[in-house]
Amino acid sequence: ECPLVGDTTYDGGGSALRLRGRGLFLCSNRVRLEHPYYNTVKGREEWDALPASEKCASGNLSLSDDGSTVEVHASIDLPDKFLSFLGKETGRHNKFGAESS
C-alpha cells in the first residue's frame, strides 16, 4: 500500500489522518514527454538536420538515452509546502532512522 498523504479517500488512514485538510502531499516537479512534432517522420527529419548547438540550446529538448525519441523536459521548483514537509521528514529520519539501522 502506498497512500496519498492528504487525500481523504486514499490516504490510508492511521497517522496520515492528521494531514487531512492540509491539501495533497503529492507533487510532480519534473516531467519528460515525447515531443509531439519532432517524433513525426517530418519532424524527425527537421530535428536531424538541426545543428547540434540548436537542438539542446534551451535545455528543454534532448534525445532519449537510446537515441530513438526526442524528449521535452520541464521542471518547476518544489512548492514551499513540500520543502517544509521534506525538511521535517529529514529531521525525523535523522532522529529515528539512525536508531533502526
PDB file of N, CA and C in Angstrom:
ATOM      1  N   GLU A   1       0.838  -1.186   0.000  1.00  0.00           N
ATOM      2  CA  GLU A   1       0.000   0.000   0.000  1.00  0.00           C
ATOM      3  C   GLU A   1       0.874   1.237   0.000  1.00  0.00           C
ATOM      4  N   CYS A   2       0.495   2.190  -0.817  1.00  0.00           N
ATOM      5  CA  CYS A   2       1.235   3.449  -0.912  1.00  0.00           C
ATOM      6  C   CYS A   2       0.219   4.591  -0.851  1.00  0.00           C
ATOM      7  N   PRO A   3      -0.051   5.123   0.342  1.00  0.00           N
ATOM      8  CA  PRO A   3      -1.090   6.141   0.485  1.00  0.00           C
ATOM      9  C   PRO A   3      -0.720   7.466  -0.157  1.00  0.00           C
ATOM     10  N   LEU A   4      -1.749   8.220  -0.526  1.00  0.00           N
ATOM     11  CA  LEU A   4      -1.586   9.590  -0.993  1.00  0.00           C
ATOM     12  C   LEU A   4      -1.846  10.491   0.206  1.00  0.00           C
ATOM     13  N   VAL A   5      -0.797  10.987   0.806  1.00  0.00           N
ATOM     14  CA  VAL A   5      -0.928  11.771   2.021  1.00  0.00           C
ATOM     15  C   VAL A   5      -1.750  13.026   1.752  1.00  0.00           C
ATOM     16  N   GLY A   6      -2.755  13.240   2.611  1.00  0.00           N
ATOM     17  CA  GLY A   6      -3.618  14.402   2.494  1.00  0.00           C
ATOM     18  C   GLY A   6      -4.894  14.144   1.719  1.00  0.00           C
ATOM     19  N   ASP A   7      -4.990  13.010   1.018  1.00  0.00           N
ATOM     20  CA  ASP A   7      -6.184  12.681   0.256  1.00  0.00           C
ATOM     21  C   ASP A   7      -7.179  11.989   1.172  1.00  0.00           C
ATOM     22  N   THR A   8      -8.427  12.429   1.171  1.00  0.00           N
ATOM     23  CA  THR A   8      -9.419  11.882   2.095  1.00  0.00           C
ATOM     24  C   THR A   8      -9.873  10.478   1.731  1.00  0.00           C
ATOM     25  N   THR A   9      -9.691  10.065   0.501  1.00  0.00           N
ATOM     26  CA  THR A   9     -10.089   8.727   0.085  1.00  0.00           C
ATOM     27  C   THR A   9      -8.942   7.737   0.138  1.00  0.00           C
ATOM     28  N   TYR A  10      -7.767   8.148  -0.286  1.00  0.00           N
ATOM     29  CA  TYR A  10      -6.648   7.218  -0.447  1.00  0.00           C
ATOM     30  C   TYR A  10      -5.467   7.471   0.484  1.00  0.00           C
ATOM     31  N   ASP A  11      -5.679   8.172   1.608  1.00  0.00           N
ATOM     32  CA  ASP A  11      -4.542   8.453   2.483  1.00  0.00           C
ATOM     33  C   ASP A  11      -4.162   7.268   3.369  1.00  0.00           C
ATOM     34  N   GLY A  12      -4.965   6.225   3.401  1.00  0.00           N
ATOM     35  CA  GLY A  12      -4.626   5.042   4.183  1.00  0.00           C
ATOM     36  C   GLY A  12      -4.992   5.146   5.654  1.00  0.00           C
ATOM     37  N   GLY A  13      -5.524   6.283   6.090  1.00  0.00           N
ATOM     38  CA  GLY A  13      -5.896   6.432   7.494  1.00  0.00           C
ATOM     39  C   GLY A  13      -4.673   6.477   8.389  1.00  0.00           C
ATOM     40  N   GLY A  14      -4.810   5.973   9.591  1.00  0.00           N
ATOM     41  CA  GLY A  14      -3.675   5.919  10.518  1.00  0.00           C
ATOM     42  C   GLY A  14      -3.084   7.289  10.776  1.00  0.00           C
ATOM     43  N   SER A  15      -1.760   7.354  10.817  1.00  0.00           N
ATOM     44  CA  SER A  15      -1.087   8.621  11.133  1.00  0.00           C
ATOM     45  C   SER A  15      -1.291   9.673  10.042  1.00  0.00           C
ATOM     46  N   ALA A  16      -1.706   9.257   8.852  1.00  0.00           N
ATOM     47  CA  ALA A  16      -1.951  10.220   7.778  1.00  0.00           C
ATOM     48  C   ALA A  16      -3.186  11.079   8.049  1.00  0.00           C
ATOM     49  N   LEU A  17      -4.037  10.646   8.964  1.00  0.00           N
ATOM     50  CA  LEU A  17      -5.253  11.414   9.259  1.00  0.00           C
ATOM     51  C   LEU A  17      -4.938  12.836   9.712  1.00  0.00           C
ATOM     52  N   ARG A  18      -3.832  13.019  10.409  1.00  0.00           N
ATOM     53  CA  ARG A  18      -3.513  14.363  10.914  1.00  0.00           C
ATOM     54  C   ARG A  18      -3.209  15.352   9.786  1.00  0.00           C
ATOM     55  N   LEU A  19      -2.951  14.848   8.588  1.00  0.00           N
ATOM     56  CA  LEU A  19      -2.649  15.730   7.454  1.00  0.00           C
ATOM     57  C   LEU A  19      -3.855  15.983   6.555  1.00  0.00           C
ATOM     58  N   ARG A  20      -4.983  15.350   6.870  1.00  0.00           N
ATOM     59  CA  ARG A  20      -6.190  15.614   6.076  1.00  0.00           C
ATOM     60  C   ARG A  20      -6.575  17.077   6.207  1.00  0.00           C
ATOM     61  N   GLY A  21      -7.057  17.634   5.114  1.00  0.00           N
ATOM     62  CA  GLY A  21      -7.484  19.023   5.128  1.00  0.00           C
ATOM     63  C   GLY A  21      -6.348  20.011   4.895  1.00  0.00           C
ATOM     64  N   ARG A  22      -5.130  19.518   4.783  1.00  0.00           N
ATOM     65  CA  ARG A  22      -3.983  20.401   4.535  1.00  0.00           C
ATOM     66  C   ARG A  22      -3.536  20.326   3.081  1.00  0.00           C
ATOM     67  N   GLY A  23      -4.373  19.752   2.217  1.00  0.00           N
ATOM     68  CA  GLY A  23      -4.039  19.637   0.804  1.00  0.00           C
ATOM     69  C   GLY A  23      -3.275  18.362   0.520  1.00  0.00           C
ATOM     70  N   LEU A  24      -3.127  18.053  -0.746  1.00  0.00           N
ATOM     71  CA  LEU A  24      -2.404  16.847  -1.135  1.00  0.00           C
ATOM     72  C   LEU A  24      -0.903  17.028  -0.961  1.00  0.00           C
ATOM     73  N   PHE A  25      -0.262  15.982  -0.518  1.00  0.00           N
ATOM     74  CA  PHE A  25       1.190  15.974  -0.393  1.00  0.00           C
ATOM     75  C   PHE A  25       1.758  15.126  -1.515  1.00  0.00           C
ATOM     76  N   LEU A  26       1.358  15.461  -2.716  1.00  0.00           N
ATOM     77  CA  LEU A  26       1.796  14.765  -3.910  1.00  0.00           C
ATOM     78  C   LEU A  26       2.131  15.837  -4.935  1.00  0.00           C
ATOM     79  N   CYS A  27       3.331  15.774  -5.461  1.00  0.00           N
ATOM     80  CA  CYS A  27       3.748  16.805  -6.403  1.00  0.00           C
ATOM     81  C   CYS A  27       4.699  16.211  -7.422  1.00  0.00           C
ATOM     82  N   SER A  28       4.439  16.469  -8.679  1.00  0.00           N
ATOM     83  CA  SER A  28       5.388  16.124  -9.720  1.00  0.00           C
ATOM     84  C   SER A  28       6.046  17.421 -10.145  1.00  0.00           C
ATOM     85  N   ASN A  29       7.336  17.548  -9.859  1.00  0.00           N
ATOM     86  CA  ASN A  29       8.004  18.796 -10.219  1.00  0.00           C
ATOM     87  C   ASN A  29       8.909  18.635 -11.434  1.00  0.00           C
ATOM     88  N   ARG A  30       8.886  17.420 -12.032  1.00  0.00           N
ATOM     89  CA  ARG A  30       9.708  17.183 -13.212  1.00  0.00           C
ATOM     90  C   ARG A  30       9.005  16.172 -14.102  1.00  0.00           C
ATOM     91  N   VAL A  31       8.888  16.497 -15.393  1.00  0.00           N
ATOM     92  CA  VAL A  31       8.298  15.569 -16.360  1.00  0.00           C
ATOM     93  C   VAL A  31       9.172  15.489 -17.599  1.00  0.00           C
ATOM     94  N   ARG A  32       9.090  14.343 -18.253  1.00  0.00           N
ATOM     95  CA  ARG A  32       9.788  14.131 -19.522  1.00  0.00           C
ATOM     96  C   ARG A  32       8.776  13.465 -20.447  1.00  0.00           C
ATOM     97  N   LEU A  33       8.511  14.099 -21.587  1.00  0.00           N
ATOM     98  CA  LEU A  33       7.494  13.618 -22.518  1.00  0.00           C
ATOM     99  C   LEU A  33       8.080  13.523 -23.926  1.00  0.00           C
ATOM    100  N   GLU A  34       7.462  12.701 -24.748  1.00  0.00           N
ATOM    101  CA  GLU A  34       7.855  12.643 -26.155  1.00  0.00           C
ATOM    102  C   GLU A  34       7.409  13.919 -26.848  1.00  0.00           C
ATOM    103  N   HIS A  35       8.295  14.511 -27.643  1.00  0.00           N
ATOM    104  CA  HIS A  35       7.945  15.740 -28.354  1.00  0.00           C
ATOM    105  C   HIS A  35       6.883  15.414 -29.409  1.00  0.00           C
ATOM    106  N   PRO A  36       5.776  16.156 -29.449  1.00  0.00           N
ATOM    107  CA  PRO A  36       4.680  15.822 -30.359  1.00  0.00           C
ATOM    108  C   PRO A  36       4.993  16.022 -31.840  1.00  0.00           C
ATOM    109  N   TYR A  37       5.936  16.914 -32.155  1.00  0.00           N
ATOM    110  CA  TYR A  37       6.244  17.144 -33.564  1.00  0.00           C
ATOM    111  C   TYR A  37       7.539  16.453 -33.986  1.00  0.00           C
ATOM    112  N   TYR A  38       8.584  16.610 -33.214  1.00  0.00           N
ATOM    113  CA  TYR A  38       9.874  16.064 -33.622  1.00  0.00           C
ATOM    114  C   TYR A  38       9.897  14.539 -33.653  1.00  0.00           C
ATOM    115  N   ASN A  39       8.860  13.881 -33.192  1.00  0.00           N
ATOM    116  CA  ASN A  39       8.799  12.424 -33.278  1.00  0.00           C
ATOM    117  C   ASN A  39       7.903  11.944 -34.415  1.00  0.00           C
ATOM    118  N   THR A  40       7.446  12.893 -35.259  1.00  0.00           N
ATOM    119  CA  THR A  40       6.774  12.505 -36.501  1.00  0.00           C
ATOM    120  C   THR A  40       7.858  12.314 -37.560  1.00  0.00           C
ATOM    121  N   VAL A  41       7.513  11.711 -38.666  1.00  0.00           N
ATOM    122  CA  VAL A  41       8.505  11.492 -39.725  1.00  0.00           C
ATOM    123  C   VAL A  41       9.108  12.820 -40.182  1.00  0.00           C
ATOM    124  N   LYS A  42       8.245  13.790 -40.526  1.00  0.00           N
ATOM    125  CA  LYS A  42       8.734  15.084 -40.992  1.00  0.00           C
ATOM    126  C   LYS A  42       9.506  15.809 -39.894  1.00  0.00           C
ATOM    127  N   GLY A  43       8.967  15.788 -38.692  1.00  0.00           N
ATOM    128  CA  GLY A  43       9.625  16.469 -37.574  1.00  0.00           C
ATOM    129  C   GLY A  43      10.991  15.886 -37.258  1.00  0.00           C
ATOM    130  N   ARG A  44      11.108  14.566 -37.334  1.00  0.00           N
ATOM    131  CA  ARG A  44      12.407  13.940 -37.042  1.00  0.00           C
ATOM    132  C   ARG A  44      13.441  14.298 -38.112  1.00  0.00           C
ATOM    133  N   GLU A  45      12.985  14.435 -39.350  1.00  0.00           N
ATOM    134  CA  GLU A  45      13.897  14.872 -40.413  1.00  0.00           C
ATOM    135  C   GLU A  45      14.432  16.267 -40.100  1.00  0.00           C
ATOM    136  N   GLU A  46      13.531  17.153 -39.648  1.00  0.00           N
ATOM    137  CA  GLU A  46      13.952  18.510 -39.285  1.00  0.00           C
ATOM    138  C   GLU A  46      14.912  18.477 -38.099  1.00  0.00           C
ATOM    139  N   TRP A  47      14.593  17.654 -37.111  1.00  0.00           N
ATOM    140  CA  TRP A  47      15.446  17.534 -35.917  1.00  0.00           C
ATOM    141  C   TRP A  47      16.858  17.072 -36.315  1.00  0.00           C
ATOM    142  N   ASP A  48      16.899  16.045 -37.139  1.00  0.00           N
ATOM    143  CA  ASP A  48      18.199  15.502 -37.548  1.00  0.00           C
ATOM    144  C   ASP A  48      19.013  16.515 -38.347  1.00  0.00           C
ATOM    145  N   ALA A  49      18.326  17.454 -39.043  1.00  0.00           N
ATOM    146  CA  ALA A  49      19.026  18.463 -39.851  1.00  0.00           C
ATOM    147  C   ALA A  49      19.497  19.663 -39.020  1.00  0.00           C
ATOM    148  N   LEU A  50      18.980  19.810 -37.807  1.00  0.00           N
ATOM    149  CA  LEU A  50      19.381  20.943 -36.965  1.00  0.00           C
ATOM    150  C   LEU A  50      20.834  20.798 -36.524  1.00  0.00           C
ATOM    151  N   PRO A  51      21.556  21.905 -36.441  1.00  0.00           N
ATOM    152  CA  PRO A  51      22.908  21.845 -35.874  1.00  0.00           C
ATOM    153  C   PRO A  51      22.817  21.440 -34.393  1.00  0.00           C
ATOM    154  N   ALA A  52      23.789  20.714 -33.915  1.00  0.00           N
ATOM    155  CA  ALA A  52      23.781  20.228 -32.527  1.00  0.00           C
ATOM    156  C   ALA A  52      23.597  21.365 -31.526  1.00  0.00           C
ATOM    157  N   SER A  53      24.169  22.519 -31.828  1.00  0.00           N
ATOM    158  CA  SER A  53      24.076  23.653 -30.902  1.00  0.00           C
ATOM    159  C   SER A  53      22.641  24.162 -30.749  1.00  0.00           C
ATOM    160  N   GLU A  54      21.804  23.947 -31.742  1.00  0.00           N
ATOM    161  CA  GLU A  54      20.415  24.400 -31.676  1.00  0.00           C
ATOM    162  C   GLU A  54      19.490  23.363 -31.048  1.00  0.00           C
ATOM    163  N   LYS A  55      19.843  22.093 -31.149  1.00  0.00           N
ATOM    164  CA  LYS A  55      18.958  21.025 -30.662  1.00  0.00           C
ATOM    165  C   LYS A  55      18.684  21.131 -29.172  1.00  0.00           C
ATOM    166  N   CYS A  56      19.682  21.401 -28.417  1.00  0.00           N
ATOM    167  CA  CYS A  56      19.523  21.386 -26.965  1.00  0.00           C
ATOM    168  C   CYS A  56      19.829  22.739 -26.338  1.00  0.00           C
ATOM    169  N   ALA A  57      19.774  23.797 -27.142  1.00  0.00           N
ATOM    170  CA  ALA A  57      20.139  25.134 -26.665  1.00  0.00           C
ATOM    171  C   ALA A  57      19.280  25.582 -25.486  1.00  0.00           C
ATOM    172  N   SER A  58      18.014  25.256 -25.496  1.00  0.00           N
ATOM    173  CA  SER A  58      17.130  25.701 -24.420  1.00  0.00           C
ATOM    174  C   SER A  58      17.241  24.831 -23.177  1.00  0.00           C
ATOM    175  N   GLY A  59      17.814  23.643 -23.329  1.00  0.00           N
ATOM    176  CA  GLY A  59      17.895  22.707 -22.209  1.00  0.00           C
ATOM    177  C   GLY A  59      16.615  21.931 -21.992  1.00  0.00           C
ATOM    178  N   ASN A  60      15.590  22.208 -22.809  1.00  0.00           N
ATOM    179  CA  ASN A  60      14.296  21.539 -22.643  1.00  0.00           C
ATOM    180  C   ASN A  60      14.085  20.387 -23.617  1.00  0.00           C
ATOM    181  N   LEU A  61      14.973  20.217 -24.591  1.00  0.00           N
ATOM    182  CA  LEU A  61      14.846  19.152 -25.580  1.00  0.00           C
ATOM    183  C   LEU A  61      16.104  18.303 -25.573  1.00  0.00           C
ATOM    184  N   SER A  62      15.932  16.997 -25.739  1.00  0.00           N
ATOM    185  CA  SER A  62      17.083  16.098 -25.861  1.00  0.00           C
ATOM    186  C   SER A  62      16.613  14.791 -26.473  1.00  0.00           C
ATOM    187  N   LEU A  63      17.582  13.984 -26.853  1.00  0.00           N
ATOM    188  CA  LEU A  63      17.261  12.631 -27.318  1.00  0.00           C
ATOM    189  C   LEU A  63      17.181  11.698 -26.129  1.00  0.00           C
ATOM    190  N   SER A  64      16.356  10.677 -26.246  1.00  0.00           N
ATOM    191  CA  SER A  64      16.282   9.658 -25.205  1.00  0.00           C
ATOM    192  C   SER A  64      17.636   8.956 -25.111  1.00  0.00           C
ATOM    193  N   ASP A  65      17.834   8.202 -24.051  1.00  0.00           N
ATOM    194  CA  ASP A  65      19.110   7.513 -23.840  1.00  0.00           C
ATOM    195  C   ASP A  65      19.497   6.631 -25.025  1.00  0.00           C
ATOM    196  N   ASP A  66      18.493   6.005 -25.641  1.00  0.00           N
ATOM    197  CA  ASP A  66      18.804   5.123 -26.775  1.00  0.00           C
ATOM    198  C   ASP A  66      18.805   5.869 -28.121  1.00  0.00           C
ATOM    199  N   GLY A  67      18.537   7.183 -28.092  1.00  0.00           N
ATOM    200  CA  GLY A  67      18.588   7.999 -29.298  1.00  0.00           C
ATOM    201  C   GLY A  67      17.402   7.865 -30.225  1.00  0.00           C
ATOM    202  N   SER A  68      16.353   7.185 -29.776  1.00  0.00           N
ATOM    203  CA  SER A  68      15.225   6.936 -30.666  1.00  0.00           C
ATOM    204  C   SER A  68      14.112   7.975 -30.577  1.00  0.00           C
ATOM    205  N   THR A  69      14.087   8.767 -29.531  1.00  0.00           N
ATOM    206  CA  THR A  69      12.965   9.664 -29.293  1.00  0.00           C
ATOM    207  C   THR A  69      13.453  11.045 -28.873  1.00  0.00           C
ATOM    208  N   VAL A  70      12.851  12.091 -29.442  1.00  0.00           N
ATOM    209  CA  VAL A  70      13.120  13.449 -28.991  1.00  0.00           C
ATOM    210  C   VAL A  70      12.200  13.705 -27.806  1.00  0.00           C
ATOM    211  N   GLU A  71      12.783  14.179 -26.715  1.00  0.00           N
ATOM    212  CA  GLU A  71      12.014  14.387 -25.491  1.00  0.00           C
ATOM    213  C   GLU A  71      11.976  15.864 -25.110  1.00  0.00           C
ATOM    214  N   VAL A  72      10.873  16.237 -24.477  1.00  0.00           N
ATOM    215  CA  VAL A  72      10.706  17.567 -23.891  1.00  0.00           C
ATOM    216  C   VAL A  72      10.831  17.397 -22.387  1.00  0.00           C
ATOM    217  N   HIS A  73      11.634  18.228 -21.759  1.00  0.00           N
ATOM    218  CA  HIS A  73      11.813  18.190 -20.312  1.00  0.00           C
ATOM    219  C   HIS A  73      11.267  19.485 -19.719  1.00  0.00           C
ATOM    220  N   ALA A  74      10.527  19.362 -18.640  1.00  0.00           N
ATOM    221  CA  ALA A  74      10.026  20.543 -17.943  1.00  0.00           C
ATOM    222  C   ALA A  74      10.126  20.298 -16.447  1.00  0.00           C
ATOM    223  N   SER A  75      10.448  21.348 -15.706  1.00  0.00           N
ATOM    224  CA  SER A  75      10.529  21.203 -14.256  1.00  0.00           C
ATOM    225  C   SER A  75      10.178  22.523 -13.585  1.00  0.00           C
ATOM    226  N   ILE A  76       9.765  22.418 -12.341  1.00  0.00           N
ATOM    227  CA  ILE A  76       9.476  23.580 -11.506  1.00  0.00           C
ATOM    228  C   ILE A  76      10.128  23.332 -10.151  1.00  0.00           C
ATOM    229  N   ASP A  77      10.305  24.384  -9.398  1.00  0.00           N
ATOM    230  CA  ASP A  77      10.779  24.229  -8.025  1.00  0.00           C
ATOM    231  C   ASP A  77       9.663  23.601  -7.198  1.00  0.00           C
ATOM    232  N   LEU A  78      10.047  22.890  -6.158  1.00  0.00           N
ATOM    233  CA  LEU A  78       9.036  22.348  -5.256  1.00  0.00           C
ATOM    234  C   LEU A  78       8.351  23.495  -4.525  1.00  0.00           C
ATOM    235  N   PRO A  79       7.027  23.386  -4.319  1.00  0.00           N
ATOM    236  CA  PRO A  79       6.335  24.415  -3.535  1.00  0.00           C
ATOM    237  C   PRO A  79       6.895  24.462  -2.108  1.00  0.00           C
ATOM    238  N   ASP A  80       6.830  25.633  -1.469  1.00  0.00           N
ATOM    239  CA  ASP A  80       7.336  25.785  -0.100  1.00  0.00           C
ATOM    240  C   ASP A  80       6.751  24.747   0.846  1.00  0.00           C
ATOM    241  N   LYS A  81       5.482  24.421   0.650  1.00  0.00           N
ATOM    242  CA  LYS A  81       4.813  23.434   1.499  1.00  0.00           C
ATOM    243  C   LYS A  81       5.590  22.114   1.490  1.00  0.00           C
ATOM    244  N   PHE A  82       6.081  21.706   0.332  1.00  0.00           N
ATOM    245  CA  PHE A  82       6.798  20.440   0.220  1.00  0.00           C
ATOM    246  C   PHE A  82       8.198  20.549   0.802  1.00  0.00           C
ATOM    247  N   LEU A  83       8.853  21.689   0.601  1.00  0.00           N
ATOM    248  CA  LEU A  83      10.187  21.871   1.161  1.00  0.00           C
ATOM    249  C   LEU A  83      10.135  21.807   2.679  1.00  0.00           C
ATOM    250  N   SER A  84       9.123  22.439   3.267  1.00  0.00           N
ATOM    251  CA  SER A  84       8.947  22.409   4.714  1.00  0.00           C
ATOM    252  C   SER A  84       8.697  20.981   5.199  1.00  0.00           C
ATOM    253  N   PHE A  85       7.812  20.285   4.514  1.00  0.00           N
ATOM    254  CA  PHE A  85       7.477  18.905   4.881  1.00  0.00           C
ATOM    255  C   PHE A  85       8.705  18.000   4.751  1.00  0.00           C
ATOM    256  N   LEU A  86       9.459  18.138   3.658  1.00  0.00           N
ATOM    257  CA  LEU A  86      10.654  17.317   3.469  1.00  0.00           C
ATOM    258  C   LEU A  86      11.709  17.614   4.529  1.00  0.00           C
ATOM    259  N   GLY A  87      11.826  18.862   4.913  1.00  0.00           N
ATOM    260  CA  GLY A  87      12.767  19.219   5.984  1.00  0.00           C
ATOM    261  C   GLY A  87      12.414  18.541   7.292  1.00  0.00           C
ATOM    262  N   LYS A  88      11.123  18.536   7.622  1.00  0.00           N
ATOM    263  CA  LYS A  88      10.674  17.874   8.856  1.00  0.00           C
ATOM    264  C   LYS A  88      10.905  16.370   8.772  1.00  0.00           C
ATOM    265  N   GLU A  89      10.619  15.793   7.622  1.00  0.00           N
ATOM    266  CA  GLU A  89      10.814  14.342   7.470  1.00  0.00           C
ATOM    267  C   GLU A  89      12.299  13.971   7.519  1.00  0.00           C
ATOM    268  N   THR A  90      13.163  14.824   6.986  1.00  0.00           N
ATOM    269  CA  THR A  90      14.602  14.574   7.076  1.00  0.00           C
ATOM    270  C   THR A  90      15.040  14.586   8.535  1.00  0.00           C
ATOM    271  N   GLY A  91      14.521  15.537   9.296  1.00  0.00           N
ATOM    272  CA  GLY A  91      14.815  15.582  10.729  1.00  0.00           C
ATOM    273  C   GLY A  91      14.346  14.328  11.447  1.00  0.00           C
ATOM    274  N   ARG A  92      13.144  13.871  11.106  1.00  0.00           N
ATOM    275  CA  ARG A  92      12.618  12.634  11.722  1.00  0.00           C
ATOM    276  C   ARG A  92      13.492  11.442  11.352  1.00  0.00           C
ATOM    277  N   HIS A  93      13.918  11.382  10.091  1.00  0.00           N
ATOM    278  CA  HIS A  93      14.779  10.283   9.665  1.00  0.00           C
ATOM    279  C   HIS A  93      16.099  10.310  10.419  1.00  0.00           C
ATOM    280  N   ASN A  94      16.675  11.495  10.546  1.00  0.00           N
ATOM    281  CA  ASN A  94      17.948  11.607  11.248  1.00  0.00           C
ATOM    282  C   ASN A  94      17.818  11.205  12.708  1.00  0.00           C
ATOM    283  N   LYS A  95      16.668  11.505  13.303  1.00  0.00           N
ATOM    284  CA  LYS A  95      16.452  11.173  14.709  1.00  0.00           C
ATOM    285  C   LYS A  95      16.114   9.712  14.913  1.00  0.00           C
ATOM    286  N   PHE A  96      15.165   9.200  14.124  1.00  0.00           N
ATOM    287  CA  PHE A  96      14.668   7.845  14.342  1.00  0.00           C
ATOM    288  C   PHE A  96      15.260   6.809  13.385  1.00  0.00           C
ATOM    289  N   GLY A  97      15.579   7.223  12.168  1.00  0.00           N
ATOM    290  CA  GLY A  97      16.111   6.281  11.179  1.00  0.00           C
ATOM    291  C   GLY A  97      17.449   5.704  11.567  1.00  0.00           C
ATOM    292  N   ALA A  98      18.286   6.534  12.173  1.00  0.00           N
ATOM    293  CA  ALA A  98      19.610   6.077  12.587  1.00  0.00           C
ATOM    294  C   ALA A  98      19.510   5.035  13.700  1.00  0.00           C
ATOM    295  N   GLU A  99      18.460   5.126  14.532  1.00  0.00           N
ATOM    296  CA  GLU A  99      18.287   4.167  15.620  1.00  0.00           C
ATOM    297  C   GLU A  99      17.929   2.787  15.124  1.00  0.00           C
ATOM    298  N   SER A 100      17.216   2.706  13.995  1.00  0.00           N
ATOM    299  CA  SER A 100      16.776   1.384  13.485  1.00  0.00           C
ATOM    300  C   SER A 100      17.834   0.714  12.631  1.00  0.00           C
ATOM    301  N   SER A 101      18.921   1.415  12.301  1.00  0.00           N
ATOM    302  CA  SER A 101      19.986   0.833  11.468  1.00  0.00           C
ATOM    303  C   SER A 101      20.875  -0.083  12.258  1.00  0.00           C
TER     304      SER A 101
END
